[in-house]
């Protein structure tokens, strides 16, 4: 569960840090945030497989993560 916590903190932290940089550097920080979001998704699948969360919870959270990923990739492409 600490891995889930680290991933979820890494996402907004990298976006915040990158926002004060050049567009190229910001894009790099967005890449890191996206990587953390995919890692978070994987950790949640593992948590579901280990019965820490149920399938319904996983589905709801995954939808939110995937929406974040889609919006963030769209934003990144406009930089």
PDB file of N, CA and C in Angstrom:
ATOM      1  N   UNK A   1       0.812  -1.195   0.000  1.00  0.00           N
ATOM      2  CA  UNK A   1       0.000   0.000   0.000  1.00  0.00           C
ATOM      3  C   UNK A   1       0.860   1.265   0.000  1.00  0.00           C
ATOM      4  N   UNK A   2       2.066   1.187   0.526  1.00  0.00           N
ATOM      5  CA  UNK A   2       2.932   2.373   0.510  1.00  0.00           C
ATOM      6  C   UNK A   2       3.324   2.724  -0.921  1.00  0.00           C
ATOM      7  N   UNK A   3       3.407   1.717  -1.799  1.00  0.00           N
ATOM      8  CA  UNK A   3       3.710   1.967  -3.208  1.00  0.00           C
ATOM      9  C   UNK A   3       2.582   2.769  -3.848  1.00  0.00           C
ATOM     10  N   UNK A   4       1.350   2.450  -3.502  1.00  0.00           N
ATOM     11  CA  UNK A   4       0.195   3.184  -4.012  1.00  0.00           C
ATOM     12  C   UNK A   4       0.266   4.633  -3.542  1.00  0.00           C
ATOM     13  N   UNK A   5       0.611   4.821  -2.303  1.00  0.00           N
ATOM     14  CA  UNK A   5       0.731   6.170  -1.749  1.00  0.00           C
ATOM     15  C   UNK A   5       1.816   6.964  -2.469  1.00  0.00           C
ATOM     16  N   UNK A   6       2.965   6.349  -2.703  1.00  0.00           N
ATOM     17  CA  UNK A   6       4.066   7.034  -3.396  1.00  0.00           C
ATOM     18  C   UNK A   6       3.659   7.434  -4.819  1.00  0.00           C
ATOM     19  N   UNK A   7       2.995   6.531  -5.524  1.00  0.00           N
ATOM     20  CA  UNK A   7       2.558   6.835  -6.892  1.00  0.00           C
ATOM     21  C   UNK A   7       1.582   8.000  -6.899  1.00  0.00           C
ATOM     22  N   UNK A   8       0.613   7.955  -5.988  1.00  0.00           N
ATOM     23  CA  UNK A   8      -0.431   8.983  -5.991  1.00  0.00           C
ATOM     24  C   UNK A   8       0.125  10.356  -5.599  1.00  0.00           C
ATOM     25  N   UNK A   9       1.173  10.392  -4.804  1.00  0.00           N
ATOM     26  CA  UNK A   9       1.810  11.658  -4.443  1.00  0.00           C
ATOM     27  C   UNK A   9       2.717  12.138  -5.580  1.00  0.00           C
ATOM     28  N   UNK A  10       3.336  11.215  -6.268  1.00  0.00           N
ATOM     29  CA  UNK A  10       4.255  11.556  -7.356  1.00  0.00           C
ATOM     30  C   UNK A  10       3.559  12.265  -8.509  1.00  0.00           C
ATOM     31  N   UNK A  11       2.329  11.877  -8.808  1.00  0.00           N
ATOM     32  CA  UNK A  11       1.622  12.435  -9.961  1.00  0.00           C
ATOM     33  C   UNK A  11       1.476  13.960  -9.845  1.00  0.00           C
ATOM     34  N   UNK A  12       0.777  14.472  -8.833  1.00  0.00           N
ATOM     35  CA  UNK A  12       0.623  15.935  -8.768  1.00  0.00           C
ATOM     36  C   UNK A  12       1.929  16.656  -8.445  1.00  0.00           C
ATOM     37  N   UNK A  13       2.823  15.989  -7.727  1.00  0.00           N
ATOM     38  CA  UNK A  13       4.096  16.624  -7.379  1.00  0.00           C
ATOM     39  C   UNK A  13       4.919  16.924  -8.625  1.00  0.00           C
ATOM     40  N   UNK A  14       4.969  15.974  -9.557  1.00  0.00           N
ATOM     41  CA  UNK A  14       5.729  16.186 -10.792  1.00  0.00           C
ATOM     42  C   UNK A  14       5.085  17.236 -11.679  1.00  0.00           C
ATOM     43  N   UNK A  15       3.769  17.258 -11.718  1.00  0.00           N
ATOM     44  CA  UNK A  15       3.088  18.290 -12.503  1.00  0.00           C
ATOM     45  C   UNK A  15       3.370  19.667 -11.903  1.00  0.00           C
ATOM     46  N   UNK A  16       3.293  19.770 -10.595  1.00  0.00           N
ATOM     47  CA  UNK A  16       3.557  21.048  -9.931  1.00  0.00           C
ATOM     48  C   UNK A  16       4.991  21.505 -10.166  1.00  0.00           C
ATOM     49  N   UNK A  17       5.942  20.585 -10.006  1.00  0.00           N
ATOM     50  CA  UNK A  17       7.344  20.960 -10.199  1.00  0.00           C
ATOM     51  C   UNK A  17       7.615  21.367 -11.649  1.00  0.00           C
ATOM     52  N   UNK A  18       7.061  20.621 -12.585  1.00  0.00           N
ATOM     53  CA  UNK A  18       7.298  20.916 -13.992  1.00  0.00           C
ATOM     54  C   UNK A  18       6.645  22.194 -14.472  1.00  0.00           C
ATOM     55  N   UNK A  19       5.587  22.615 -13.811  1.00  0.00           N
ATOM     56  CA  UNK A  19       4.845  23.795 -14.268  1.00  0.00           C
ATOM     57  C   UNK A  19       5.671  25.080 -14.208  1.00  0.00           C
ATOM     58  N   UNK A  20       6.732  25.073 -13.430  1.00  0.00           N
ATOM     59  CA  UNK A  20       7.558  26.272 -13.328  1.00  0.00           C
ATOM     60  C   UNK A  20       8.740  26.236 -14.300  1.00  0.00           C
ATOM     61  N   UNK A  21       8.771  25.231 -15.158  1.00  0.00           N
ATOM     62  CA  UNK A  21       9.895  25.046 -16.087  1.00  0.00           C
ATOM     63  C   UNK A  21       9.519  25.441 -17.513  1.00  0.00           C
ATOM     64  N   UNK A  22      10.464  25.264 -18.416  1.00  0.00           N
ATOM     65  CA  UNK A  22      10.191  25.484 -19.839  1.00  0.00           C
ATOM     66  C   UNK A  22       9.224  24.408 -20.330  1.00  0.00           C
ATOM     67  N   UNK A  23       8.604  24.641 -21.479  1.00  0.00           N
ATOM     68  CA  UNK A  23       7.661  23.665 -22.020  1.00  0.00           C
ATOM     69  C   UNK A  23       8.309  22.296 -22.221  1.00  0.00           C
ATOM     70  N   UNK A  24       9.549  22.280 -22.717  1.00  0.00           N
ATOM     71  CA  UNK A  24      10.238  21.012 -22.944  1.00  0.00           C
ATOM     72  C   UNK A  24      10.465  20.282 -21.619  1.00  0.00           C
ATOM     73  N   UNK A  25      10.910  20.999 -20.624  1.00  0.00           N
ATOM     74  CA  UNK A  25      11.146  20.407 -19.315  1.00  0.00           C
ATOM     75  C   UNK A  25       9.823  19.991 -18.665  1.00  0.00           C
ATOM     76  N   UNK A  26       8.791  20.828 -18.826  1.00  0.00           N
ATOM     77  CA  UNK A  26       7.472  20.511 -18.290  1.00  0.00           C
ATOM     78  C   UNK A  26       6.970  19.200 -18.888  1.00  0.00           C
ATOM     79  N   UNK A  27       7.182  19.025 -20.185  1.00  0.00           N
ATOM     80  CA  UNK A  27       6.773  17.794 -20.862  1.00  0.00           C
ATOM     81  C   UNK A  27       7.444  16.577 -20.232  1.00  0.00           C
ATOM     82  N   UNK A  28       8.707  16.724 -19.867  1.00  0.00           N
ATOM     83  CA  UNK A  28       9.428  15.633 -19.201  1.00  0.00           C
ATOM     84  C   UNK A  28       8.787  15.294 -17.851  1.00  0.00           C
ATOM     85  N   UNK A  29       8.434  16.309 -17.084  1.00  0.00           N
ATOM     86  CA  UNK A  29       7.798  16.071 -15.784  1.00  0.00           C
ATOM     87  C   UNK A  29       6.409  15.458 -15.961  1.00  0.00           C
ATOM     88  N   UNK A  30       5.722  15.840 -17.037  1.00  0.00           N
ATOM     89  CA  UNK A  30       4.430  15.224 -17.330  1.00  0.00           C
ATOM     90  C   UNK A  30       4.620  13.745 -17.668  1.00  0.00           C
ATOM     91  N   UNK A  31       5.683  13.434 -18.413  1.00  0.00           N
ATOM     92  CA  UNK A  31       5.999  12.025 -18.699  1.00  0.00           C
ATOM     93  C   UNK A  31       6.169  11.231 -17.409  1.00  0.00           C
ATOM     94  N   UNK A  32       6.870  11.815 -16.457  1.00  0.00           N
ATOM     95  CA  UNK A  32       7.087  11.131 -15.177  1.00  0.00           C
ATOM     96  C   UNK A  32       5.746  10.947 -14.458  1.00  0.00           C
ATOM     97  N   UNK A  33       4.908  11.984 -14.453  1.00  0.00           N
ATOM     98  CA  UNK A  33       3.593  11.890 -13.817  1.00  0.00           C
ATOM     99  C   UNK A  33       2.740  10.813 -14.489  1.00  0.00           C
ATOM    100  N   UNK A  34       2.774  10.763 -15.812  1.00  0.00           N
ATOM    101  CA  UNK A  34       2.026   9.729 -16.526  1.00  0.00           C
ATOM    102  C   UNK A  34       2.544   8.341 -16.179  1.00  0.00           C
ATOM    103  N   UNK A  35       3.852   8.205 -16.115  1.00  0.00           N
ATOM    104  CA  UNK A  35       4.438   6.921 -15.719  1.00  0.00           C
ATOM    105  C   UNK A  35       3.958   6.501 -14.343  1.00  0.00           C
ATOM    106  N   UNK A  36       3.895   7.455 -13.442  1.00  0.00           N
ATOM    107  CA  UNK A  36       3.400   7.162 -12.092  1.00  0.00           C
ATOM    108  C   UNK A  36       1.927   6.767 -12.118  1.00  0.00           C
ATOM    109  N   UNK A  37       1.159   7.359 -13.026  1.00  0.00           N
ATOM    110  CA  UNK A  37      -0.262   6.998 -13.108  1.00  0.00           C
ATOM    111  C   UNK A  37      -0.434   5.566 -13.624  1.00  0.00           C
ATOM    112  N   UNK A  38       0.409   5.152 -14.563  1.00  0.00           N
ATOM    113  CA  UNK A  38       0.355   3.766 -15.040  1.00  0.00           C
ATOM    114  C   UNK A  38       0.830   2.808 -13.946  1.00  0.00           C
ATOM    115  N   UNK A  39       1.818   3.222 -13.183  1.00  0.00           N
ATOM    116  CA  UNK A  39       2.279   2.418 -12.053  1.00  0.00           C
ATOM    117  C   UNK A  39       1.174   2.293 -11.012  1.00  0.00           C
ATOM    118  N   UNK A  40       0.484   3.392 -10.734  1.00  0.00           N
ATOM    119  CA  UNK A  40      -0.625   3.374  -9.779  1.00  0.00           C
ATOM    120  C   UNK A  40      -1.708   2.408 -10.235  1.00  0.00           C
ATOM    121  N   UNK A  41      -2.030   2.467 -11.515  1.00  0.00           N
ATOM    122  CA  UNK A  41      -3.047   1.562 -12.062  1.00  0.00           C
ATOM    123  C   UNK A  41      -2.632   0.102 -11.863  1.00  0.00           C
ATOM    124  N   UNK A  42      -1.383  -0.204 -12.117  1.00  0.00           N
ATOM    125  CA  UNK A  42      -0.863  -1.561 -11.933  1.00  0.00           C
ATOM    126  C   UNK A  42      -0.933  -1.984 -10.467  1.00  0.00           C
ATOM    127  N   UNK A  43      -0.541  -1.081  -9.579  1.00  0.00           N
ATOM    128  CA  UNK A  43      -0.580  -1.397  -8.143  1.00  0.00           C
ATOM    129  C   UNK A  43      -2.008  -1.659  -7.671  1.00  0.00           C
ATOM    130  N   UNK A  44      -2.967  -0.935  -8.231  1.00  0.00           N
ATOM    131  CA  UNK A  44      -4.365  -1.150  -7.860  1.00  0.00           C
ATOM    132  C   UNK A  44      -4.886  -2.486  -8.382  1.00  0.00           C
ATOM    133  N   UNK A  45      -4.453  -2.883  -9.559  1.00  0.00           N
ATOM    134  CA  UNK A  45      -4.818  -4.212 -10.081  1.00  0.00           C
ATOM    135  C   UNK A  45      -4.276  -5.291  -9.158  1.00  0.00           C
ATOM    136  N   UNK A  46      -3.043  -5.116  -8.722  1.00  0.00           N
ATOM    137  CA  UNK A  46      -2.448  -6.075  -7.777  1.00  0.00           C
ATOM    138  C   UNK A  46      -3.227  -6.077  -6.469  1.00  0.00           C
ATOM    139  N   UNK A  47      -3.601  -4.899  -5.988  1.00  0.00           N
ATOM    140  CA  UNK A  47      -4.383  -4.803  -4.745  1.00  0.00           C
ATOM    141  C   UNK A  47      -5.715  -5.534  -4.889  1.00  0.00           C
ATOM    142  N   UNK A  48      -6.333  -5.429  -6.039  1.00  0.00           N
ATOM    143  CA  UNK A  48      -7.596  -6.134  -6.288  1.00  0.00           C
ATOM    144  C   UNK A  48      -7.360  -7.643  -6.312  1.00  0.00           C
ATOM    145  N   UNK A  49      -6.302  -8.063  -6.996  1.00  0.00           N
ATOM    146  CA  UNK A  49      -5.981  -9.500  -7.055  1.00  0.00           C
ATOM    147  C   UNK A  49      -5.688 -10.082  -5.682  1.00  0.00           C
ATOM    148  N   UNK A  50      -5.211  -9.251  -4.785  1.00  0.00           N
ATOM    149  CA  UNK A  50      -4.918  -9.691  -3.410  1.00  0.00           C
ATOM    150  C   UNK A  50      -6.082  -9.426  -2.449  1.00  0.00           C
ATOM    151  N   UNK A  51      -7.196  -9.001  -3.021  1.00  0.00           N
ATOM    152  CA  UNK A  51      -8.428  -8.746  -2.261  1.00  0.00           C
ATOM    153  C   UNK A  51      -8.313  -7.620  -1.233  1.00  0.00           C
ATOM    154  N   UNK A  52      -7.461  -6.637  -1.516  1.00  0.00           N
ATOM    155  CA  UNK A  52      -7.396  -5.435  -0.676  1.00  0.00           C
ATOM    156  C   UNK A  52      -8.507  -4.456  -1.067  1.00  0.00           C
ATOM    157  N   UNK A  53      -8.861  -4.478  -2.354  1.00  0.00           N
ATOM    158  CA  UNK A  53      -9.996  -3.705  -2.857  1.00  0.00           C
ATOM    159  C   UNK A  53     -10.819  -4.647  -3.729  1.00  0.00           C
ATOM    160  N   UNK A  54     -12.087  -4.302  -3.940  1.00  0.00           N
ATOM    161  CA  UNK A  54     -12.913  -5.171  -4.782  1.00  0.00           C
ATOM    162  C   UNK A  54     -12.914  -4.684  -6.230  1.00  0.00           C
ATOM    163  N   UNK A  55     -13.470  -5.498  -7.103  1.00  0.00           N
ATOM    164  CA  UNK A  55     -13.475  -5.209  -8.534  1.00  0.00           C
ATOM    165  C   UNK A  55     -14.233  -3.911  -8.843  1.00  0.00           C
ATOM    166  N   UNK A  56     -15.321  -3.666  -8.132  1.00  0.00           N
ATOM    167  CA  UNK A  56     -16.090  -2.440  -8.355  1.00  0.00           C
ATOM    168  C   UNK A  56     -15.264  -1.201  -8.023  1.00  0.00           C
ATOM    169  N   UNK A  57     -14.548  -1.246  -6.913  1.00  0.00           N
ATOM    170  CA  UNK A  57     -13.683  -0.127  -6.530  1.00  0.00           C
ATOM    171  C   UNK A  57     -12.594   0.076  -7.582  1.00  0.00           C
ATOM    172  N   UNK A  58     -12.001  -1.027  -8.020  1.00  0.00           N
ATOM    173  CA  UNK A  58     -10.944  -0.949  -9.029  1.00  0.00           C
ATOM    174  C   UNK A  58     -11.469  -0.310 -10.303  1.00  0.00           C
ATOM    175  N   UNK A  59     -12.643  -0.732 -10.752  1.00  0.00           N
ATOM    176  CA  UNK A  59     -13.213  -0.206 -11.991  1.00  0.00           C
ATOM    177  C   UNK A  59     -13.445   1.303 -11.903  1.00  0.00           C
ATOM    178  N   UNK A  60     -13.962   1.769 -10.781  1.00  0.00           N
ATOM    179  CA  UNK A  60     -14.217   3.207 -10.599  1.00  0.00           C
ATOM    180  C   UNK A  60     -12.913   4.003 -10.605  1.00  0.00           C
ATOM    181  N   UNK A  61     -11.922   3.500  -9.898  1.00  0.00           N
ATOM    182  CA  UNK A  61     -10.647   4.210  -9.817  1.00  0.00           C
ATOM    183  C   UNK A  61      -9.927   4.177 -11.163  1.00  0.00           C
ATOM    184  N   UNK A  62      -9.958   3.025 -11.827  1.00  0.00           N
ATOM    185  CA  UNK A  62      -9.304   2.914 -13.138  1.00  0.00           C
ATOM    186  C   UNK A  62      -9.887   3.913 -14.131  1.00  0.00           C
ATOM    187  N   UNK A  63     -11.202   4.094 -14.105  1.00  0.00           N
ATOM    188  CA  UNK A  63     -11.835   5.047 -15.026  1.00  0.00           C
ATOM    189  C   UNK A  63     -11.311   6.452 -14.781  1.00  0.00           C
ATOM    190  N   UNK A  64     -11.130   6.819 -13.520  1.00  0.00           N
ATOM    191  CA  UNK A  64     -10.618   8.149 -13.187  1.00  0.00           C
ATOM    192  C   UNK A  64      -9.153   8.292 -13.618  1.00  0.00           C
ATOM    193  N   UNK A  65      -8.365   7.258 -13.397  1.00  0.00           N
ATOM    194  CA  UNK A  65      -6.959   7.286 -13.801  1.00  0.00           C
ATOM    195  C   UNK A  65      -6.849   7.411 -15.319  1.00  0.00           C
ATOM    196  N   UNK A  66      -7.646   6.632 -16.035  1.00  0.00           N
ATOM    197  CA  UNK A  66      -7.594   6.672 -17.497  1.00  0.00           C
ATOM    198  C   UNK A  66      -8.066   8.015 -18.039  1.00  0.00           C
ATOM    199  N   UNK A  67      -9.033   8.633 -17.388  1.00  0.00           N
ATOM    200  CA  UNK A  67      -9.462   9.975 -17.787  1.00  0.00           C
ATOM    201  C   UNK A  67      -8.331  10.973 -17.573  1.00  0.00           C
ATOM    202  N   UNK A  68      -7.643  10.868 -16.431  1.00  0.00           N
ATOM    203  CA  UNK A  68      -6.479  11.722 -16.163  1.00  0.00           C
ATOM    204  C   UNK A  68      -5.417  11.529 -17.240  1.00  0.00           C
ATOM    205  N   UNK A  69      -5.124  10.272 -17.579  1.00  0.00           N
ATOM    206  CA  UNK A  69      -4.093   9.980 -18.568  1.00  0.00           C
ATOM    207  C   UNK A  69      -4.450  10.580 -19.930  1.00  0.00           C
ATOM    208  N   UNK A  70      -5.692  10.426 -20.336  1.00  0.00           N
ATOM    209  CA  UNK A  70      -6.132  10.951 -21.627  1.00  0.00           C
ATOM    210  C   UNK A  70      -6.030  12.475 -21.648  1.00  0.00           C
ATOM    211  N   UNK A  71      -6.518  13.128 -20.614  1.00  0.00           N
ATOM    212  CA  UNK A  71      -6.474  14.592 -20.554  1.00  0.00           C
ATOM    213  C   UNK A  71      -5.038  15.087 -20.498  1.00  0.00           C
ATOM    214  N   UNK A  72      -4.200  14.417 -19.739  1.00  0.00           N
ATOM    215  CA  UNK A  72      -2.808  14.839 -19.572  1.00  0.00           C
ATOM    216  C   UNK A  72      -2.024  14.659 -20.866  1.00  0.00           C
ATOM    217  N   UNK A  73      -2.266  13.560 -21.567  1.00  0.00           N
ATOM    218  CA  UNK A  73      -1.589  13.358 -22.856  1.00  0.00           C
ATOM    219  C   UNK A  73      -2.028  14.418 -23.858  1.00  0.00           C
ATOM    220  N   UNK A  74      -3.310  14.762 -23.859  1.00  0.00           N
ATOM    221  CA  UNK A  74      -3.798  15.818 -24.737  1.00  0.00           C
ATOM    222  C   UNK A  74      -3.137  17.148 -24.436  1.00  0.00           C
ATOM    223  N   UNK A  75      -3.026  17.471 -23.157  1.00  0.00           N
ATOM    224  CA  UNK A  75      -2.361  18.709 -22.727  1.00  0.00           C
ATOM    225  C   UNK A  75      -0.896  18.698 -23.156  1.00  0.00           C
ATOM    226  N   UNK A  76      -0.244  17.588 -22.924  1.00  0.00           N
ATOM    227  CA  UNK A  76       1.182  17.463 -23.257  1.00  0.00           C
ATOM    228  C   UNK A  76       1.409  17.656 -24.760  1.00  0.00           C
ATOM    229  N   UNK A  77       0.511  17.129 -25.572  1.00  0.00           N
ATOM    230  CA  UNK A  77       0.654  17.260 -27.029  1.00  0.00           C
ATOM    231  C   UNK A  77       0.520  18.715 -27.485  1.00  0.00           C
ATOM    232  N   UNK A  78      -0.111  19.550 -26.686  1.00  0.00           N
ATOM    233  CA  UNK A  78      -0.280  20.957 -27.043  1.00  0.00           C
ATOM    234  C   UNK A  78       0.892  21.830 -26.589  1.00  0.00           C
ATOM    235  N   UNK A  79       1.798  21.269 -25.785  1.00  0.00           N
ATOM    236  CA  UNK A  79       2.956  22.063 -25.322  1.00  0.00           C
ATOM    237  C   UNK A  79       3.920  22.319 -26.480  1.00  0.00           C
TER     238      UNK A  79
END
